C-alpha atoms as a PDB file:
ATOM      1  CA  MET A   1       0.048  -0.130   0.031  1.00  0.00           C
ATOM      2  CA  LEU A   2       2.807   2.542   0.776  1.00  0.00           C
ATOM      3  CA  ALA A   3       4.361   1.705  -2.473  1.00  0.00           C
ATOM      4  CA  GLY A   4       1.209   2.605  -4.124  1.00  0.00           C
ATOM      5  CA  LEU A   5       0.816   5.882  -2.173  1.00  0.00           C
ATOM      6  CA  GLN A   6       4.508   6.802  -3.108  1.00  0.00           C
ATOM      7  CA  ALA A   7       3.698   6.246  -6.750  1.00  0.00           C
ATOM      8  CA  ALA A   8       0.595   8.582  -6.730  1.00  0.00           C
ATOM      9  CA  ARG A   9       0.807  11.977  -8.442  1.00  0.00           C
ATOM     10  CA  VAL A  10      -1.490  13.553  -6.048  1.00  0.00           C
ATOM     11  CA  LEU A  11      -3.170  12.667  -2.656  1.00  0.00           C
ATOM     12  CA  VAL A  12      -6.509  14.083  -1.802  1.00  0.00           C
ATOM     13  CA  SER A  13      -8.305  14.559   1.357  1.00  0.00           C
ATOM     14  CA  GLY A  14     -11.890  15.653   2.247  1.00  0.00           C
ATOM     15  CA  SER A  15     -14.918  15.356   4.455  1.00  0.00           C
ATOM     16  CA  ALA A  16     -12.931  16.825   7.517  1.00  0.00           C
ATOM     17  CA  ALA A  17      -9.871  18.861   8.235  1.00  0.00           C
ATOM     18  CA  LEU A  18      -6.581  16.819   8.120  1.00  0.00           C
ATOM     19  CA  PRO A  19      -4.515  17.380  11.234  1.00  0.00           C
ATOM     20  CA  LEU A  20      -1.052  18.797  10.514  1.00  0.00           C
ATOM     21  CA  ARG A  21       0.535  15.838  12.284  1.00  0.00           C
ATOM     22  CA  ASP A  22      -1.171  13.580   9.881  1.00  0.00           C
ATOM     23  CA  GLN A  23      -0.171  15.863   6.907  1.00  0.00           C
ATOM     24  CA  LEU A  24       3.391  15.593   8.097  1.00  0.00           C
ATOM     25  CA  ARG A  25       3.249  11.832   8.714  1.00  0.00           C
ATOM     26  CA  ILE A  26       1.913  11.180   5.309  1.00  0.00           C
ATOM     27  CA  GLU A  27       4.360  13.504   3.795  1.00  0.00           C
ATOM     28  CA  ALA A  28       7.175  11.563   5.611  1.00  0.00           C
ATOM     29  CA  LEU A  29       6.007   8.282   4.441  1.00  0.00           C
ATOM     30  CA  THR A  30       5.180   9.199   0.861  1.00  0.00           C
ATOM     31  CA  GLY A  31       7.035  12.211  -0.054  1.00  0.00           C
ATOM     32  CA  ARG A  32       3.870  14.003  -1.041  1.00  0.00           C
ATOM     33  CA  ARG A  33       1.713  16.368   1.103  1.00  0.00           C
ATOM     34  CA  VAL A  34      -1.969  16.034   0.647  1.00  0.00           C
ATOM     35  CA  VAL A  35      -4.121  18.284  -1.000  1.00  0.00           C
ATOM     36  CA  GLU A  36      -7.402  19.181   0.761  1.00  0.00           C
ATOM     37  CA  ARG A  37     -10.635  20.012  -0.910  1.00  0.00           C
ATOM     38  CA  TYR A  38     -14.259  21.014   0.488  1.00  0.00           C
ATOM     39  CA  GLY A  39     -17.769  19.959  -0.999  1.00  0.00           C
ATOM     40  CA  LEU A  40     -21.116  18.907   0.029  1.00  0.00           C
ATOM     41  CA  THR A  41     -23.863  16.451  -1.033  1.00  0.00           C
ATOM     42  CA  GLU A  42     -25.866  19.565  -2.454  1.00  0.00           C
ATOM     43  CA  THR A  43     -22.893  21.086  -4.292  1.00  0.00           C
ATOM     44  CA  ILE A  44     -20.319  18.584  -5.042  1.00  0.00           C
ATOM     45  CA  ILE A  45     -16.926  20.292  -4.974  1.00  0.00           C
ATOM     46  CA  ASN A  46     -16.775  23.846  -4.001  1.00  0.00           C
ATOM     47  CA  CYS A  47     -12.980  24.512  -3.391  1.00  0.00           C
ATOM     48  CA  ALA A  48      -9.873  22.687  -3.697  1.00  0.00           C
ATOM     49  CA  VAL A  49      -6.206  23.361  -3.342  1.00  0.00           C
ATOM     50  CA  ARG A  50      -4.354  23.214  -6.671  1.00  0.00           C
ATOM     51  CA  VAL A  51      -1.940  20.626  -7.203  1.00  0.00           C
ATOM     52  CA  ASP A  52       0.906  23.244  -7.522  1.00  0.00           C
ATOM     53  CA  GLY A  53      -0.808  25.413  -4.681  1.00  0.00           C
ATOM     54  CA  GLU A  54       0.005  25.908  -1.060  1.00  0.00           C
ATOM     55  CA  ARG A  55      -0.984  22.882   1.185  1.00  0.00           C
ATOM     56  CA  VAL A  56      -1.672  23.993   4.729  1.00  0.00           C
ATOM     57  CA  ALA A  57      -3.484  21.585   7.134  1.00  0.00           C
ATOM     58  CA  GLY A  58      -7.222  22.753   7.213  1.00  0.00           C
ATOM     59  CA  ARG A  59      -6.918  25.032   4.308  1.00  0.00           C
ATOM     60  CA  VAL A  60      -9.208  23.931   1.424  1.00  0.00           C
ATOM     61  CA  GLY A  61      -7.948  26.256  -1.248  1.00  0.00           C
ATOM     62  CA  PRO A  62      -9.754  28.817  -3.300  1.00  0.00           C
ATOM     63  CA  PRO A  63     -13.111  28.035  -4.983  1.00  0.00           C
ATOM     64  CA  VAL A  64     -12.957  26.079  -8.307  1.00  0.00           C
ATOM     65  CA  ASP A  65     -13.577  27.639 -11.578  1.00  0.00           C
ATOM     66  CA  GLY A  66     -17.206  28.632 -12.121  1.00  0.00           C
ATOM     67  CA  VAL A  67     -18.221  28.648  -8.427  1.00  0.00           C
ATOM     68  CA  GLU A  68     -18.673  31.827  -6.328  1.00  0.00           C
ATOM     69  CA  LEU A  69     -18.071  31.807  -2.527  1.00  0.00           C
ATOM     70  CA  ARG A  70     -18.546  34.133   0.089  1.00  0.00           C
ATOM     71  CA  LEU A  71     -18.904  34.314   3.896  1.00  0.00           C
ATOM     72  CA  VAL A  72     -22.000  35.753   5.680  1.00  0.00           C
ATOM     73  CA  ASP A  73     -23.059  36.844   9.207  1.00  0.00           C
ATOM     74  CA  ASP A  74     -25.751  35.535  11.486  1.00  0.00           C
ATOM     75  CA  GLU A  75     -28.320  37.449   9.385  1.00  0.00           C
ATOM     76  CA  ARG A  76     -26.899  36.092   6.095  1.00  0.00           C
ATOM     77  CA  ARG A  77     -25.491  39.501   5.070  1.00  0.00           C
ATOM     78  CA  PRO A  78     -22.226  39.320   3.288  1.00  0.00           C
ATOM     79  CA  LEU A  79     -18.998  39.832   5.076  1.00  0.00           C
ATOM     80  CA  PRO A  80     -16.347  41.941   3.168  1.00  0.00           C
ATOM     81  CA  VAL A  81     -13.350  41.026   5.298  1.00  0.00           C
ATOM     82  CA  ARG A  82     -10.853  38.574   4.048  1.00  0.00           C
ATOM     83  CA  ASP A  83      -8.540  38.448   7.247  1.00  0.00           C
ATOM     84  CA  ASP A  84      -8.414  34.912   7.959  1.00  0.00           C
ATOM     85  CA  ALA A  85      -9.680  35.603  11.376  1.00  0.00           C
ATOM     86  CA  THR A  86     -13.526  36.630  10.891  1.00  0.00           C
ATOM     87  CA  LEU A  87     -15.723  33.439  11.132  1.00  0.00           C
ATOM     88  CA  GLY A  88     -18.681  33.359   8.831  1.00  0.00           C
ATOM     89  CA  GLU A  89     -21.078  30.981   7.189  1.00  0.00           C
ATOM     90  CA  VAL A  90     -19.990  29.673   3.692  1.00  0.00           C
ATOM     91  CA  GLN A  91     -22.469  30.550   0.775  1.00  0.00           C
ATOM     92  CA  VAL A  92     -21.801  29.140  -2.688  1.00  0.00           C
ATOM     93  CA  ARG A  93     -23.331  29.758  -5.999  1.00  0.00           C
ATOM     94  CA  GLY A  94     -22.706  28.178  -9.300  1.00  0.00           C
ATOM     95  CA  PRO A  95     -23.712  25.495 -11.833  1.00  0.00           C
ATOM     96  CA  ASN A  96     -22.541  22.797  -9.343  1.00  0.00           C
ATOM     97  CA  VAL A  97     -25.394  23.790  -6.762  1.00  0.00           C
ATOM     98  CA  PHE A  98     -28.380  21.426  -6.627  1.00  0.00           C
ATOM     99  CA  LEU A  99     -31.815  22.836  -7.562  1.00  0.00           C
ATOM    100  CA  GLY A 100     -33.516  21.719  -4.354  1.00  0.00           C
ATOM    101  CA  TYR A 101     -34.627  18.826  -2.076  1.00  0.00           C
ATOM    102  CA  LEU A 102     -37.156  16.498  -3.638  1.00  0.00           C
ATOM    103  CA  ASN A 103     -40.474  17.549  -2.823  1.00  0.00           C
ATOM    104  CA  ARG A 104     -39.607  19.720  -0.169  1.00  0.00           C
ATOM    105  CA  PRO A 105     -39.846  23.451  -1.332  1.00  0.00           C
ATOM    106  CA  ASP A 106     -39.817  24.599   2.360  1.00  0.00           C
ATOM    107  CA  ALA A 107     -36.715  23.098   3.177  1.00  0.00           C
ATOM    108  CA  THR A 108     -34.991  24.258  -0.034  1.00  0.00           C
ATOM    109  CA  ALA A 109     -36.203  27.920   0.843  1.00  0.00           C
ATOM    110  CA  THR A 110     -34.567  27.788   4.170  1.00  0.00           C
ATOM    111  CA  VAL A 111     -31.034  27.205   2.456  1.00  0.00           C
ATOM    112  CA  LYS A 112     -31.281  28.538  -1.077  1.00  0.00           C
ATOM    113  CA  SER A 113     -31.897  32.229  -1.706  1.00  0.00           C
ATOM    114  CA  ALA A 114     -33.935  33.526  -4.791  1.00  0.00           C
ATOM    115  CA  ASP A 115     -30.756  34.545  -6.540  1.00  0.00           C
ATOM    116  CA  GLY A 116     -29.058  31.134  -5.915  1.00  0.00           C
ATOM    117  CA  TRP A 117     -26.977  31.536  -3.053  1.00  0.00           C
ATOM    118  CA  PHE A 118     -26.629  28.264  -1.023  1.00  0.00           C
ATOM    119  CA  SER A 119     -26.081  28.357   2.669  1.00  0.00           C
ATOM    120  CA  THR A 120     -23.980  25.510   3.579  1.00  0.00           C
ATOM    121  CA  GLY A 121     -24.271  25.765   7.507  1.00  0.00           C
ATOM    122  CA  ASP A 122     -20.340  25.423   7.463  1.00  0.00           C
ATOM    123  CA  LEU A 123     -18.156  28.070   9.334  1.00  0.00           C
ATOM    124  CA  ALA A 124     -15.008  29.348   7.788  1.00  0.00           C
ATOM    125  CA  THR A 125     -12.518  32.092   7.581  1.00  0.00           C
ATOM    126  CA  GLN A 126     -11.106  33.470   4.092  1.00  0.00           C
ATOM    127  CA  ARG A 127      -7.708  35.040   3.108  1.00  0.00           C
ATOM    128  CA  GLU A 128      -7.349  37.931   0.945  1.00  0.00           C
ATOM    129  CA  ASP A 129      -6.280  35.408  -2.007  1.00  0.00           C
ATOM    130  CA  GLY A 130      -9.641  33.657  -1.577  1.00  0.00           C
ATOM    131  CA  SER A 131      -8.233  30.543   0.189  1.00  0.00           C
ATOM    132  CA  VAL A 132     -10.704  29.195   2.669  1.00  0.00           C
ATOM    133  CA  ARG A 133     -10.288  27.505   6.071  1.00  0.00           C
ATOM    134  CA  ILE A 134     -13.245  25.449   7.358  1.00  0.00           C
ATOM    135  CA  VAL A 135     -13.607  25.478  11.149  1.00  0.00           C
ATOM    136  CA  GLY A 136     -16.700  23.610  11.656  1.00  0.00           C
ATOM    137  CA  ARG A 137     -20.588  23.452  11.565  1.00  0.00           C
ATOM    138  CA  ARG A 138     -22.623  26.353  12.333  1.00  0.00           C
ATOM    139  CA  ALA A 139     -25.168  24.339  14.279  1.00  0.00           C
ATOM    140  CA  THR A 140     -22.606  22.462  16.244  1.00  0.00           C
ATOM    141  CA  ASP A 141     -19.179  24.085  16.152  1.00  0.00           C
ATOM    142  CA  LEU A 142     -20.059  27.878  16.691  1.00  0.00           C
ATOM    143  CA  ILE A 143     -19.195  28.698  20.211  1.00  0.00           C
ATOM    144  CA  LYS A 144     -20.032  32.414  21.347  1.00  0.00           C
ATOM    145  CA  CYS A 145     -17.750  32.935  24.278  1.00  0.00           C
ATOM    146  CA  GLY A 146     -17.325  36.210  26.049  1.00  0.00           C
ATOM    147  CA  GLY A 147     -18.283  38.256  23.138  1.00  0.00           C
ATOM    148  CA  TYR A 148     -16.125  36.248  20.597  1.00  0.00           C
ATOM    149  CA  LYS A 149     -17.070  33.643  17.927  1.00  0.00           C
ATOM    150  CA  VAL A 150     -14.949  30.680  18.221  1.00  0.00           C
ATOM    151  CA  GLY A 151     -14.930  27.658  15.847  1.00  0.00           C
ATOM    152  CA  ALA A 152     -14.742  24.445  17.804  1.00  0.00           C
ATOM    153  CA  GLY A 153     -12.607  22.814  14.978  1.00  0.00           C
ATOM    154  CA  GLU A 154      -9.974  25.446  15.252  1.00  0.00           C
ATOM    155  CA  VAL A 155      -9.527  24.364  19.018  1.00  0.00           C
ATOM    156  CA  GLU A 156      -9.763  20.738  18.174  1.00  0.00           C
ATOM    157  CA  ALA A 157      -6.976  21.080  15.837  1.00  0.00           C
ATOM    158  CA  ALA A 158      -4.832  22.964  18.271  1.00  0.00           C
ATOM    159  CA  LEU A 159      -5.376  20.202  20.879  1.00  0.00           C
ATOM    160  CA  LEU A 160      -4.354  17.603  18.245  1.00  0.00           C
ATOM    161  CA  GLU A 161      -1.026  19.168  18.061  1.00  0.00           C
ATOM    162  CA  HIS A 162      -0.310  17.988  21.619  1.00  0.00           C
ATOM    163  CA  PRO A 163       1.590  14.899  21.467  1.00  0.00           C
ATOM    164  CA  ALA A 164      -0.402  13.141  24.261  1.00  0.00           C
ATOM    165  CA  VAL A 165      -3.809  13.658  22.475  1.00  0.00           C
ATOM    166  CA  ARG A 166      -5.077  11.091  19.828  1.00  0.00           C
ATOM    167  CA  GLU A 167      -8.558  12.404  19.495  1.00  0.00           C
ATOM    168  CA  ALA A 168     -10.266  15.637  20.494  1.00  0.00           C
ATOM    169  CA  ALA A 169     -13.798  17.130  20.457  1.00  0.00           C
ATOM    170  CA  VAL A 170     -14.836  20.641  21.630  1.00  0.00           C
ATOM    171  CA  ILE A 171     -18.268  22.059  22.379  1.00  0.00           C
ATOM    172  CA  GLY A 172     -19.848  25.183  23.886  1.00  0.00           C
ATOM    173  CA  VAL A 173     -22.008  24.873  27.025  1.00  0.00           C
ATOM    174  CA  PRO A 174     -24.074  27.682  28.769  1.00  0.00           C
ATOM    175  CA  ASP A 175     -22.360  29.938  31.031  1.00  0.00           C
ATOM    176  CA  GLU A 176     -23.830  32.812  33.114  1.00  0.00           C
ATOM    177  CA  ASP A 177     -20.938  34.998  32.563  1.00  0.00           C
ATOM    178  CA  LEU A 178     -19.493  34.006  29.402  1.00  0.00           C
ATOM    179  CA  GLY A 179     -22.764  33.108  27.373  1.00  0.00           C
ATOM    180  CA  GLU A 180     -20.907  29.959  26.380  1.00  0.00           C
ATOM    181  CA  ARG A 181     -17.702  28.165  27.731  1.00  0.00           C
ATOM    182  CA  ILE A 182     -15.405  26.076  25.705  1.00  0.00           C
ATOM    183  CA  VAL A 183     -15.251  22.567  27.003  1.00  0.00           C
ATOM    184  CA  ALA A 184     -13.060  19.860  25.551  1.00  0.00           C
ATOM    185  CA  PHE A 185     -13.093  16.076  25.437  1.00  0.00           C
ATOM    186  CA  VAL A 186      -9.834  14.275  24.662  1.00  0.00           C
ATOM    187  CA  VAL A 187      -8.463  10.697  24.114  1.00  0.00           C
ATOM    188  CA  ALA A 188      -5.021  10.628  25.223  1.00  0.00           C
ATOM    189  CA  GLY A 189      -2.425   8.046  24.497  1.00  0.00           C
ATOM    190  CA  GLU A 190      -0.405   8.887  27.756  1.00  0.00           C
ATOM    191  CA  SER A 191      -1.374  10.569  31.040  1.00  0.00           C
ATOM    192  CA  VAL A 192      -1.652  14.244  30.766  1.00  0.00           C
ATOM    193  CA  GLN A 193      -3.177  16.894  33.035  1.00  0.00           C
ATOM    194  CA  PRO A 194      -6.114  19.010  31.795  1.00  0.00           C
ATOM    195  CA  LYS A 195      -4.309  22.139  32.784  1.00  0.00           C
ATOM    196  CA  ALA A 196      -1.459  21.340  30.550  1.00  0.00           C
ATOM    197  CA  LEU A 197      -3.824  21.084  27.610  1.00  0.00           C
ATOM    198  CA  GLN A 198      -5.589  24.323  28.411  1.00  0.00           C
ATOM    199  CA  ASP A 199      -2.392  26.076  28.512  1.00  0.00           C
ATOM    200  CA  PHE A 200      -1.074  24.422  25.397  1.00  0.00           C
ATOM    201  CA  VAL A 201      -4.155  25.742  23.421  1.00  0.00           C
ATOM    202  CA  ALA A 202      -3.739  29.275  24.775  1.00  0.00           C
ATOM    203  CA  SER A 203      -0.099  29.156  23.667  1.00  0.00           C
ATOM    204  CA  GLN A 204      -1.155  27.970  20.042  1.00  0.00           C
ATOM    205  CA  LEU A 205      -4.201  30.329  19.560  1.00  0.00           C
ATOM    206  CA  SER A 206      -5.645  33.504  21.238  1.00  0.00           C
ATOM    207  CA  PRO A 207      -6.304  33.231  25.013  1.00  0.00           C
ATOM    208  CA  HIS A 208      -9.930  33.434  24.685  1.00  0.00           C
ATOM    209  CA  LYS A 209      -9.931  30.097  22.826  1.00  0.00           C
ATOM    210  CA  ARG A 210      -8.612  28.254  25.666  1.00  0.00           C
ATOM    211  CA  PRO A 211     -11.001  25.542  26.955  1.00  0.00           C
ATOM    212  CA  ARG A 212     -12.165  26.532  30.437  1.00  0.00           C
ATOM    213  CA  GLU A 213     -12.683  22.642  30.947  1.00  0.00           C
ATOM    214  CA  VAL A 214     -10.900  19.559  29.729  1.00  0.00           C
ATOM    215  CA  THR A 215     -12.148  16.086  30.191  1.00  0.00           C
ATOM    216  CA  VAL A 216     -10.069  12.799  29.311  1.00  0.00           C
ATOM    217  CA  VAL A 217     -12.199  10.042  28.048  1.00  0.00           C
ATOM    218  CA  GLU A 218     -11.619   6.618  26.834  1.00  0.00           C
ATOM    219  CA  ALA A 219     -13.486   7.153  23.283  1.00  0.00           C
ATOM    220  CA  LEU A 220     -15.686   9.746  21.699  1.00  0.00           C
ATOM    221  CA  PRO A 221     -19.322   8.735  20.624  1.00  0.00           C
ATOM    222  CA  ARG A 222     -19.362   8.342  17.010  1.00  0.00           C
ATOM    223  CA  ASN A 223     -21.956   7.505  14.334  1.00  0.00           C
ATOM    224  CA  ALA A 224     -22.088   5.040  11.821  1.00  0.00           C
ATOM    225  CA  MET A 225     -19.959   7.355   9.506  1.00  0.00           C
ATOM    226  CA  GLY A 226     -17.402   7.714  12.245  1.00  0.00           C
ATOM    227  CA  LYS A 227     -18.252  11.298  12.891  1.00  0.00           C
ATOM    228  CA  VAL A 228     -18.213  12.558  16.622  1.00  0.00           C
ATOM    229  CA  VAL A 229     -21.780  12.851  17.825  1.00  0.00           C
ATOM    230  CA  LYS A 230     -21.487  16.123  19.940  1.00  0.00           C
ATOM    231  CA  ALA A 231     -25.035  15.898  21.198  1.00  0.00           C
ATOM    232  CA  LYS A 232     -24.000  12.981  23.344  1.00  0.00           C
ATOM    233  CA  LEU A 233     -21.022  15.149  24.836  1.00  0.00           C
ATOM    234  CA  LYS A 234     -23.400  17.930  25.526  1.00  0.00           C
ATOM    235  CA  ALA A 235     -25.770  15.428  27.356  1.00  0.00           C
ATOM    236  CA  ARG A 236     -22.866  14.593  29.712  1.00  0.00           C
END
């Protein structure tokens, strides 16, 4: 299998951000860094890192030819900033976008505007060159903490850079002072203190993205597709 990967012209990853350490591990084994891309069932592919483009973990590249992409705020108003820091929901428009849900015009109307913009439900930042970085799902990964909007995926990626952390899931829970506080669940390969992980995230990201609580668990709850079921973590 390794020989086959080494012979491949390009390696492509999707569905979720590929952690940096996995990027580096694959590169060490194959001599090639993975190209990431971004798409949905309703749109097929929206963005892709070009084969000769910059390959950064979590960054899915600019929109492909023919696809328009923009970020919008909570009221679905366009966000004009491209500072790679401001979070917004991804909207796309183009010939790749579906016509609508079968026999569900009501459902279609909630996600697709009259002028063709489809609201993906995904949160992202964007750079001046158009490159997009996905940080999670709006419904489950947007945490409003102390007046800041934090993407759970960004905190998870930081946790995964710690050598003791094998898996990580981050949620927001109600907090009287902060609105929501950041809570992390991790699967660790060796003994590690929660405080050490909190401080590690604060050293990697802005201090306000530091988890207020870290719980070490044996396993994260997952569905049949292998994705973490965050509702079960919130129920805890």
